[in-house]
Protein backbone atom coordinates (compact mmCIF):
# COMPACT_ATOMS: atom_id res chain seq x y z
CA MET A 1 147.39 92.60 116.22
CA ASN A 2 147.95 95.41 118.71
CA ARG A 3 145.23 96.64 121.02
CA PRO A 4 144.27 99.90 119.18
CA THR A 5 143.92 98.03 115.89
CA MET A 6 141.78 95.35 117.51
CA VAL A 7 139.56 97.95 119.19
CA SER A 8 139.15 99.90 115.94
CA SER A 9 138.41 96.66 114.05
CA LEU A 10 135.81 95.70 116.64
CA LEU A 11 134.31 99.19 116.50
CA PHE A 12 134.28 99.00 112.72
CA ALA A 13 132.44 95.65 112.82
CA VAL A 14 129.87 96.96 115.32
CA VAL A 15 129.19 100.07 113.24
CA LEU A 16 128.95 98.10 110.02
CA LEU A 17 126.60 95.51 111.48
CA SER A 18 124.44 98.05 113.24
CA ALA A 19 124.13 100.32 110.21
CA PRO A 20 120.53 100.69 109.14
CA ALA A 21 119.43 98.46 106.29
CA THR A 22 119.11 101.55 104.11
CA CYS A 23 122.87 101.92 104.11
CA ARG A 24 123.93 98.29 103.66
CA ALA A 25 124.63 96.79 100.27
CA GLY A 26 121.94 94.34 99.31
CA ALA A 27 119.22 96.15 101.26
CA PRO A 28 115.76 96.00 99.72
CA ALA A 29 115.37 98.70 97.08
CA ASP A 30 112.31 100.17 98.75
CA SER A 31 113.83 100.57 102.20
CA PHE A 32 115.24 104.09 102.05
CA PRO A 33 113.41 107.31 102.97
CA GLY A 34 111.73 108.98 100.04
CA TYR A 35 111.43 105.79 97.98
CA ARG A 36 108.74 106.02 95.30
CA SER A 37 107.19 102.85 93.96
CA PRO A 38 107.10 102.68 90.14
CA GLY A 39 103.95 100.56 90.32
CA THR A 40 102.23 103.09 92.54
CA ALA A 41 103.20 105.92 90.17
CA ILE A 42 101.62 104.10 87.22
CA LEU A 43 98.55 103.19 89.26
CA LEU A 44 98.05 106.79 90.42
CA SER A 45 98.35 108.11 86.85
CA THR A 46 95.92 105.49 85.56
CA VAL A 47 93.32 105.99 88.29
CA ALA A 48 93.59 109.80 88.19
CA THR A 49 92.92 109.62 84.45
CA VAL A 50 90.31 106.88 84.09
CA VAL A 51 88.09 107.63 87.10
CA PRO A 52 87.42 111.34 86.33
CA LEU A 53 86.95 110.55 82.63
CA ALA A 54 84.47 107.75 83.39
CA ILE A 55 82.55 109.75 85.97
CA GLY A 56 82.52 112.83 83.72
CA ILE A 57 81.26 110.90 80.70
CA ALA A 58 78.59 109.07 82.75
CA THR A 59 77.48 112.31 84.40
CA ALA A 60 77.34 114.12 81.05
CA ALA A 61 75.19 111.36 79.57
CA HIS A 62 72.90 111.41 82.61
CA ASP A 63 72.64 115.22 82.62
CA ASP A 64 71.99 115.28 78.88
CA ALA A 65 69.12 112.80 79.24
CA ARG A 66 67.56 115.00 81.93
CA GLY A 67 68.24 118.29 80.15
CA ASN A 68 70.65 119.59 82.81
CA ASP A 69 73.43 121.93 81.78
CA SER A 70 76.21 121.53 84.31
CA ALA A 71 79.92 122.34 83.97
CA ALA A 72 80.88 119.52 86.37
CA PRO A 73 81.11 116.74 83.75
CA ALA A 74 83.28 118.89 81.49
CA LEU A 75 85.56 119.81 84.39
CA LEU A 76 85.91 116.15 85.38
CA ILE A 77 86.71 115.11 81.82
CA LEU A 78 89.21 117.92 81.27
CA GLY A 79 90.82 117.36 84.66
CA GLY A 80 91.20 113.64 84.03
CA TYR A 81 92.52 114.24 80.53
CA PHE A 82 95.04 117.00 81.26
CA LEU A 83 96.01 116.42 84.90
CA GLY A 84 95.37 112.70 85.46
CA PRO A 85 98.45 111.28 83.71
CA ALA A 86 100.66 113.83 85.51
CA VAL A 87 99.70 112.63 89.00
CA GLY A 88 102.15 109.71 88.92
CA HIS A 89 105.01 112.02 87.92
CA VAL A 90 104.19 114.43 90.74
CA TYR A 91 104.08 111.50 93.19
CA ALA A 92 107.47 110.41 91.85
CA GLY A 93 108.92 113.82 92.62
CA ARG A 94 109.24 115.05 89.04
CA PRO A 95 106.79 117.93 88.64
CA GLY A 96 108.72 119.27 85.65
CA ARG A 97 108.07 116.04 83.77
CA ALA A 98 104.41 116.28 84.76
CA ALA A 99 104.23 119.85 83.42
CA ALA A 100 105.84 118.78 80.13
CA GLY A 101 103.14 116.15 79.59
CA ILE A 102 100.37 118.61 80.45
CA GLY A 103 101.91 121.05 77.98
CA MET A 104 102.02 118.51 75.16
CA ARG A 105 98.39 117.50 75.73
CA THR A 106 97.46 121.19 75.78
CA LEU A 107 99.27 121.85 72.47
CA GLY A 108 97.49 118.91 70.87
CA THR A 109 94.15 120.19 72.11
CA PHE A 110 94.90 123.68 70.77
CA ALA A 111 95.64 122.10 67.37
CA VAL A 112 92.27 120.33 67.43
CA SER A 113 90.54 123.59 68.45
CA ALA A 114 92.31 125.48 65.66
CA ALA A 115 91.25 122.84 63.14
CA ILE A 116 87.64 123.09 64.29
CA ALA A 117 87.74 126.90 64.06
CA ALA A 118 89.36 126.85 60.61
CA SER A 119 86.78 124.48 59.18
CA TRP A 120 83.77 125.98 60.96
CA ASN A 121 82.11 127.16 57.76
CA GLY A 122 82.68 123.85 56.01
CA GLU A 123 85.63 125.04 53.95
CA ASN A 124 88.31 122.50 53.12
CA THR A 125 91.42 124.31 54.32
CA GLY A 126 93.55 121.30 55.30
CA ALA A 127 92.49 121.76 58.88
CA ASP A 128 91.51 118.10 59.04
CA ALA A 129 95.17 117.10 58.99
CA VAL A 130 96.00 119.60 61.73
CA GLY A 131 93.13 118.26 63.83
CA LEU A 132 94.22 114.65 63.36
CA VAL A 133 97.82 115.45 64.28
CA GLY A 134 96.64 117.38 67.35
CA ALA A 135 94.33 114.58 68.47
CA GLY A 136 97.05 112.00 67.89
CA THR A 137 99.61 114.05 69.82
CA SER A 138 97.27 114.54 72.76
CA THR A 139 96.30 110.89 72.91
CA PHE A 140 99.90 109.72 72.53
CA PHE A 141 101.08 111.89 75.43
CA LEU A 142 98.14 110.82 77.58
CA VAL A 143 99.14 107.15 77.23
CA TYR A 144 102.89 107.89 77.27
CA ASP A 145 102.68 109.84 80.53
CA ILE A 146 100.78 107.04 82.24
CA VAL A 147 103.24 104.39 81.07
CA ARG A 148 106.34 106.48 81.90
CA ALA A 149 105.24 107.42 85.43
CA GLY A 150 107.06 104.32 86.70
CA HIS A 151 110.26 105.52 85.04
CA SER A 152 109.93 108.85 86.86
CA ALA A 153 109.79 106.98 90.15
CA THR A 154 112.87 104.97 89.19
CA VAL A 155 114.78 108.16 88.32
CA THR A 156 113.85 109.70 91.66
CA ASN A 157 114.85 106.52 93.53
CA THR A 158 118.21 106.43 91.78
CA LYS A 159 118.92 110.02 92.80
CA LEU A 160 117.80 109.43 96.39
CA ALA A 161 119.74 106.19 96.80
CA ALA A 162 122.95 107.92 95.75
CA ARG A 163 122.64 110.63 98.40
CA ALA A 164 123.74 108.74 101.49
CA SER A 165 126.05 105.82 101.97
CA VAL A 166 128.07 104.14 104.69
CA ARG A 167 131.11 102.24 103.50
CA PRO A 168 134.12 100.61 105.06
CA ALA A 169 137.25 102.69 104.59
CA VAL A 170 140.92 102.59 105.44
CA ILE A 171 141.91 105.77 107.21
CA SER A 172 145.62 106.16 107.92
CA SER A 173 146.10 102.40 107.62
CA ALA A 174 143.36 101.72 110.19
CA PRO A 175 139.91 100.41 109.32
CA GLY A 176 137.09 102.86 109.73
CA VAL A 177 133.73 103.91 108.39
CA ARG A 178 133.21 106.54 105.74
CA VAL A 179 129.86 108.29 105.73
CA SER A 180 129.07 110.13 102.51
CA VAL A 181 126.15 112.49 102.18
CA ALA A 182 125.31 114.53 99.09
CA LEU A 183 122.89 117.42 99.39
């Protein structure tokens, strides 16, 4: 082996061994910048939904017993219902997915509201079916968004992990290091 090849091989080994763990194959999955934990995404969606709902319902019951008319319980309940499941998707870096879930819960709620308005005078107009479908849709997307928040984190992690890499490469028959960055 001639001297330039040996020096380049040694340099290659030093660079490869000193590369940060985020660039080495076999590095822990959560070691790169911007990593989003799927478990944390699900936890955030769950907590952001359950806590405001529970506090809102408890506050409404307490206010009702005392004769208080406050908008705070309703705002807590609505915030937990519409926005809570979306928090994990926003954390995961997918606000569009969060907005889609909010939109589906909103459509379901509009269907329930329309059913209530249509049957206000006690007429049987088939609004019951519309109300049930709306309530089912809203509830389904509430649970679905909480469960799928972890998937949003995984999608984000996959995109982020593919952005930067350091790999061994042969450049003009000499070993070297190829650095790839996608923006």
